[in-house]
Amino acid sequence: MKTILALTCFCLITMLGYGQTQYELNQIAYKGYLKAEKQLNNSYQAILKAYKSDTVFIRNFKKAQKIWYQLRDAEMDAYYPERADELQGSSAPMCWNLHKTNLTKTRIKALRMWLVGVEEGDICRGTPKAKKAKLYTNKK
């Protein structure tokens, strides 16, 4: 699946006329990773701000995020060990950044629940706040 994603990205980038060399493709993938990392940091900071009065949550959330980074880095090492250059050649940096971007975007989606909330009435919602109820009016 991830190989298909990488090949699809490669084909789309090539067809659009961007990044005709492997170096350029590697740079595009790196910039995509940097963008995802910035989004992750923005989400993290927004959660810290939104929950600043809940010190127990903040302490545990920071701990969880630190451990998530360790998990992501360990998965990257397992997926692309030091010999990755031997396996992917000049496309190794592109593949590495595409995979790391995918992991980072998955984390961003997971963090989103603390920002948008969960459905009201979910008794197992934990620390995420309940979504605001939508008010419907009969305005015509």
C-alpha atoms as a PDB file:
ATOM      1  CA  MET A   1       0.000   0.000   0.000  1.00  0.00           C
ATOM      2  CA  LYS A   2       2.737   2.462   0.947  1.00  0.00           C
ATOM      3  CA  THR A   3       4.715   1.473  -2.120  1.00  0.00           C
ATOM      4  CA  ILE A   4       1.667   2.239  -4.249  1.00  0.00           C
ATOM      5  CA  LEU A   5       1.306   5.610  -2.486  1.00  0.00           C
ATOM      6  CA  ALA A   6       4.944   6.462  -3.119  1.00  0.00           C
ATOM      7  CA  LEU A   7       4.713   5.438  -6.764  1.00  0.00           C
ATOM      8  CA  THR A   8       1.475   7.384  -7.212  1.00  0.00           C
ATOM      9  CA  CYS A   9       3.068  10.504  -5.721  1.00  0.00           C
ATOM     10  CA  PHE A  10       6.109  10.024  -7.909  1.00  0.00           C
ATOM     11  CA  CYS A  11       3.976   9.656 -11.058  1.00  0.00           C
ATOM     12  CA  LEU A  12       1.758  12.640 -10.236  1.00  0.00           C
ATOM     13  CA  ILE A  13       4.712  14.873  -9.506  1.00  0.00           C
ATOM     14  CA  THR A  14       6.408  13.813 -12.718  1.00  0.00           C
ATOM     15  CA  MET A  15       3.255  14.240 -14.842  1.00  0.00           C
ATOM     16  CA  LEU A  16       2.672  17.733 -13.443  1.00  0.00           C
ATOM     17  CA  GLY A  17       6.106  18.742 -14.617  1.00  0.00           C
ATOM     18  CA  TYR A  18       7.532  19.228 -11.135  1.00  0.00           C
ATOM     19  CA  GLY A  19      10.742  17.617 -10.062  1.00  0.00           C
ATOM     20  CA  GLN A  20      12.182  16.094 -13.178  1.00  0.00           C
ATOM     21  CA  THR A  21      15.263  14.859 -11.383  1.00  0.00           C
ATOM     22  CA  GLN A  22      15.474  12.544  -8.401  1.00  0.00           C
ATOM     23  CA  TYR A  23      17.104  15.342  -6.439  1.00  0.00           C
ATOM     24  CA  GLU A  24      14.087  17.574  -7.067  1.00  0.00           C
ATOM     25  CA  LEU A  25      11.693  14.775  -6.106  1.00  0.00           C
ATOM     26  CA  ASN A  26      13.667  14.250  -2.910  1.00  0.00           C
ATOM     27  CA  GLN A  27      13.393  17.988  -2.156  1.00  0.00           C
ATOM     28  CA  ILE A  28       9.622  18.003  -2.779  1.00  0.00           C
ATOM     29  CA  ALA A  29       9.160  15.047  -0.423  1.00  0.00           C
ATOM     30  CA  TYR A  30      11.289  16.774   2.225  1.00  0.00           C
ATOM     31  CA  LYS A  31       9.259  19.982   1.950  1.00  0.00           C
ATOM     32  CA  GLY A  32       6.085  17.905   2.321  1.00  0.00           C
ATOM     33  CA  TYR A  33       7.468  16.406   5.513  1.00  0.00           C
ATOM     34  CA  LEU A  34       8.398  19.853   6.873  1.00  0.00           C
ATOM     35  CA  LYS A  35       4.855  21.064   6.148  1.00  0.00           C
ATOM     36  CA  ALA A  36       3.344  18.089   7.996  1.00  0.00           C
ATOM     37  CA  GLU A  37       5.715  18.589  10.934  1.00  0.00           C
ATOM     38  CA  LYS A  38       4.658  22.246  11.143  1.00  0.00           C
ATOM     39  CA  GLN A  39       0.977  21.220  11.120  1.00  0.00           C
ATOM     40  CA  LEU A  40       1.681  18.706  13.884  1.00  0.00           C
ATOM     41  CA  ASN A  41       3.402  21.348  15.993  1.00  0.00           C
ATOM     42  CA  ASN A  42       0.536  23.804  15.406  1.00  0.00           C
ATOM     43  CA  SER A  43      -2.000  21.189  16.517  1.00  0.00           C
ATOM     44  CA  TYR A  44       0.103  20.334  19.564  1.00  0.00           C
ATOM     45  CA  GLN A  45       0.408  23.998  20.575  1.00  0.00           C
ATOM     46  CA  ALA A  46      -3.334  24.572  20.043  1.00  0.00           C
ATOM     47  CA  ILE A  47      -4.143  21.631  22.323  1.00  0.00           C
ATOM     48  CA  LEU A  48      -1.782  22.928  25.019  1.00  0.00           C
ATOM     49  CA  LYS A  49      -3.505  26.303  24.838  1.00  0.00           C
ATOM     50  CA  ALA A  50      -7.056  24.886  24.817  1.00  0.00           C
ATOM     51  CA  TYR A  51      -6.424  22.632  27.821  1.00  0.00           C
ATOM     52  CA  LYS A  52      -4.001  24.845  29.768  1.00  0.00           C
ATOM     53  CA  SER A  53      -6.137  24.756  32.914  1.00  0.00           C
ATOM     54  CA  ASP A  54      -6.055  20.925  33.052  1.00  0.00           C
ATOM     55  CA  THR A  55      -2.537  20.408  34.400  1.00  0.00           C
ATOM     56  CA  VAL A  56      -2.901  16.638  34.769  1.00  0.00           C
ATOM     57  CA  PHE A  57      -3.939  16.310  31.124  1.00  0.00           C
ATOM     58  CA  ILE A  58      -1.136  18.614  29.954  1.00  0.00           C
ATOM     59  CA  ARG A  59       1.486  16.586  31.824  1.00  0.00           C
ATOM     60  CA  ASN A  60       0.198  13.304  30.400  1.00  0.00           C
ATOM     61  CA  PHE A  61      -0.317  14.734  26.921  1.00  0.00           C
ATOM     62  CA  LYS A  62       3.273  16.002  26.767  1.00  0.00           C
ATOM     63  CA  LYS A  63       4.477  12.581  27.906  1.00  0.00           C
ATOM     64  CA  ALA A  64       2.352  10.854  25.241  1.00  0.00           C
ATOM     65  CA  GLN A  65       3.627  13.158  22.498  1.00  0.00           C
ATOM     66  CA  LYS A  66       7.245  12.560  23.504  1.00  0.00           C
ATOM     67  CA  ILE A  67       6.673   8.801  23.401  1.00  0.00           C
ATOM     68  CA  TRP A  68       4.884   9.109  20.045  1.00  0.00           C
ATOM     69  CA  TYR A  69       7.956  10.811  18.567  1.00  0.00           C
ATOM     70  CA  GLN A  70      10.107   7.954  19.882  1.00  0.00           C
ATOM     71  CA  LEU A  71       7.714   5.410  18.369  1.00  0.00           C
ATOM     72  CA  ARG A  72       7.678   7.209  15.021  1.00  0.00           C
ATOM     73  CA  ASP A  73      11.459   7.389  14.928  1.00  0.00           C
ATOM     74  CA  ALA A  74      11.773   3.714  15.889  1.00  0.00           C
ATOM     75  CA  GLU A  75       9.315   2.756  13.158  1.00  0.00           C
ATOM     76  CA  MET A  76      11.300   4.814  10.657  1.00  0.00           C
ATOM     77  CA  ASP A  77      14.473   2.965  11.702  1.00  0.00           C
ATOM     78  CA  ALA A  78      12.720  -0.374  11.293  1.00  0.00           C
ATOM     79  CA  TYR A  79      11.125   0.550   7.966  1.00  0.00           C
ATOM     80  CA  TYR A  80      14.217   2.231   6.545  1.00  0.00           C
ATOM     81  CA  PRO A  81      17.294   0.899   8.361  1.00  0.00           C
ATOM     82  CA  GLU A  82      20.708   2.420   7.779  1.00  0.00           C
ATOM     83  CA  ARG A  83      21.078   0.268   4.683  1.00  0.00           C
ATOM     84  CA  ALA A  84      18.065   1.967   3.051  1.00  0.00           C
ATOM     85  CA  ASP A  85      20.328   3.603   0.456  1.00  0.00           C
ATOM     86  CA  GLU A  86      21.205   0.108  -0.721  1.00  0.00           C
ATOM     87  CA  LEU A  87      17.505  -0.759  -0.992  1.00  0.00           C
ATOM     88  CA  GLN A  88      16.150   2.388  -2.680  1.00  0.00           C
ATOM     89  CA  GLY A  89      19.215   4.007  -4.193  1.00  0.00           C
ATOM     90  CA  SER A  90      18.868   7.700  -5.011  1.00  0.00           C
ATOM     91  CA  SER A  91      15.141   7.617  -4.197  1.00  0.00           C
ATOM     92  CA  ALA A  92      15.846   6.699  -0.553  1.00  0.00           C
ATOM     93  CA  PRO A  93      15.420  10.279   0.752  1.00  0.00           C
ATOM     94  CA  MET A  94      12.113  10.640  -1.110  1.00  0.00           C
ATOM     95  CA  CYS A  95      10.783   7.333   0.192  1.00  0.00           C
ATOM     96  CA  TRP A  96      11.950   8.090   3.724  1.00  0.00           C
ATOM     97  CA  ASN A  97      10.271  11.509   3.758  1.00  0.00           C
ATOM     98  CA  LEU A  98       7.034  10.198   2.223  1.00  0.00           C
ATOM     99  CA  HIS A  99       6.761   7.528   4.916  1.00  0.00           C
ATOM    100  CA  LYS A 100       7.599   9.940   7.746  1.00  0.00           C
ATOM    101  CA  THR A 101       5.055  12.424   6.357  1.00  0.00           C
ATOM    102  CA  ASN A 102       2.393   9.705   6.317  1.00  0.00           C
ATOM    103  CA  LEU A 103       3.086   8.793   9.958  1.00  0.00           C
ATOM    104  CA  THR A 104       3.003  12.462  10.951  1.00  0.00           C
ATOM    105  CA  LYS A 105      -0.302  13.102   9.179  1.00  0.00           C
ATOM    106  CA  THR A 106      -1.807  10.091  10.933  1.00  0.00           C
ATOM    107  CA  ARG A 107      -0.788  11.620  14.268  1.00  0.00           C
ATOM    108  CA  ILE A 108      -2.301  14.969  13.284  1.00  0.00           C
ATOM    109  CA  LYS A 109      -5.615  13.211  12.633  1.00  0.00           C
ATOM    110  CA  ALA A 110      -5.402  11.510  16.030  1.00  0.00           C
ATOM    111  CA  LEU A 111      -4.748  14.823  17.805  1.00  0.00           C
ATOM    112  CA  ARG A 112      -7.687  16.464  16.063  1.00  0.00           C
ATOM    113  CA  MET A 113     -10.195  14.998  18.549  1.00  0.00           C
ATOM    114  CA  TRP A 114      -8.830  17.275  21.271  1.00  0.00           C
ATOM    115  CA  LEU A 115      -9.355  20.289  19.026  1.00  0.00           C
ATOM    116  CA  VAL A 116     -12.765  19.554  17.507  1.00  0.00           C
ATOM    117  CA  GLY A 117     -14.139  17.509  20.378  1.00  0.00           C
ATOM    118  CA  VAL A 118     -16.143  14.309  20.348  1.00  0.00           C
ATOM    119  CA  GLU A 119     -19.872  13.759  20.150  1.00  0.00           C
ATOM    120  CA  GLU A 120     -21.758  14.858  23.212  1.00  0.00           C
ATOM    121  CA  GLY A 121     -23.107  11.906  25.155  1.00  0.00           C
ATOM    122  CA  ASP A 122     -20.083   9.688  24.503  1.00  0.00           C
ATOM    123  CA  ILE A 123     -19.544   8.474  28.045  1.00  0.00           C
ATOM    124  CA  CYS A 124     -16.142   7.018  27.151  1.00  0.00           C
ATOM    125  CA  ARG A 125     -14.772  10.199  25.580  1.00  0.00           C
ATOM    126  CA  GLY A 126     -12.003  10.707  28.143  1.00  0.00           C
ATOM    127  CA  THR A 127     -10.373  14.138  28.125  1.00  0.00           C
ATOM    128  CA  PRO A 128     -11.498  15.482  24.722  1.00  0.00           C
ATOM    129  CA  LYS A 129     -14.185  18.086  25.190  1.00  0.00           C
ATOM    130  CA  ALA A 130     -17.677  17.450  23.881  1.00  0.00           C
ATOM    131  CA  LYS A 131     -18.570  19.158  20.612  1.00  0.00           C
ATOM    132  CA  LYS A 132     -20.881  22.090  20.897  1.00  0.00           C
ATOM    133  CA  ALA A 133     -24.458  21.153  20.119  1.00  0.00           C
ATOM    134  CA  LYS A 134     -25.681  22.582  16.824  1.00  0.00           C
ATOM    135  CA  LEU A 135     -28.762  24.686  17.125  1.00  0.00           C
ATOM    136  CA  TYR A 136     -31.273  24.422  14.348  1.00  0.00           C
ATOM    137  CA  THR A 137     -33.794  27.107  13.647  1.00  0.00           C
ATOM    138  CA  ASN A 138     -36.764  27.176  11.359  1.00  0.00           C
ATOM    139  CA  LYS A 139     -35.747  30.395   9.622  1.00  0.00           C
ATOM    140  CA  LYS A 140     -37.073  30.662   6.114  1.00  0.00           C
END
